[in-house]
C-alpha cells in the first residue's frame, strides 16, 4: 500500500511524503485491544488470507514506480519477518530510498545492530510504563529492553525516533505512567523527540472500554509539556490543534494537519520561517 508518512505516525520525518508500506501476518505480542488484530493475531495459514509475496527487489521497483520516498515495514510487527526487512533495507540503501520501522520495539540489540546501518527512522510504541501493564497487555515480563533498544537506535545508529502511546482508560492513563514515559523520552531520547498520544478506540477483547476522552489526552499532553518535551501530539482526534506542529521557540504554526493530510507546511530549510529556529527532524 502507498500511504503518507503521517499515518505511521512520523511528523518530523519528511512530512507529506509517500511510502510503500508493507506488512504480513502475526505479531510477537497479543494485545487484547489490537487495532490490526485481524492480521496481527492471524494464524500463519496463508491459504486463509488474501496475501501476495513481494520480493525485496519488487518492493524497490514498486516504491520507485509510485514516487515513494522510501519503504516502511508496518501494519504488523516487522521484527517477526526480520530477514525479509533486512534484505529490503539493504536494497533500499543501494537504490537511494529511505526506510522506517513501525515497531513495538521488542527486538534484541544484536538484531537491531544488523539492520541499524540500513534503517533511517524508528517509530516505536511505548505502550505503558510498568512491568504490570506490559505483562497484562503485551504478555511481556520486562519492558526495560524496549527502552534500551530504542535509545540504542538513536544513539548508536542515528535513526530518527518518534514515540507513540495509545492511552487506554484504566490501563495506562494514570499520571505515574504518563509522567514516566515523558521523563524517559526527555532524559534518554531528548526534549525534541516527538511523542504521539493516540486515542484508544474500543476493539476486540477491550471493546467494553470507552474511547479515551479528549480531556484525558489533553491532560497527558500537558504532562509531557510540563516535563519539558517540545513536540507532543494528539492522534485519532482529527481536527484537534494538537495535530499541528508549532515552533518550539516562537510557537507559530508551522505544519497544519487534518488527519493524515497536510494543508500547510511553512518549514523552509529545516527552519522556522518566522524566527529562524532549527526545527528538529528531517524536512528537506
Foldseek 3Di string as FASTA:
>chain_A
DKAFCCVLPDDFAAHPFIAAEDEAAAALFDFQFDPLCCRHVDDPPCVVDPDDDAALVNRLVVCVVVVGQAYEYDSYACVVVLVRVQVNLVVCVVVNHAYEYSHQQPDALVSCVSSLQRHAAYEHEPAWADLVLCCVGGVDRDCVNSLVSQLCSCPVRNHQYAYEYEDFPPRHLDLVTLLVVLLSCCVRVRQAHEYEYEWRAQHGSRVVGHIDDVVSLVVSQVSNVVSRRQQYAYAPPFPDPRNFDADSPPRHTAWDDGHSDTPHHNDDPQARPVPGHRRPHDHD
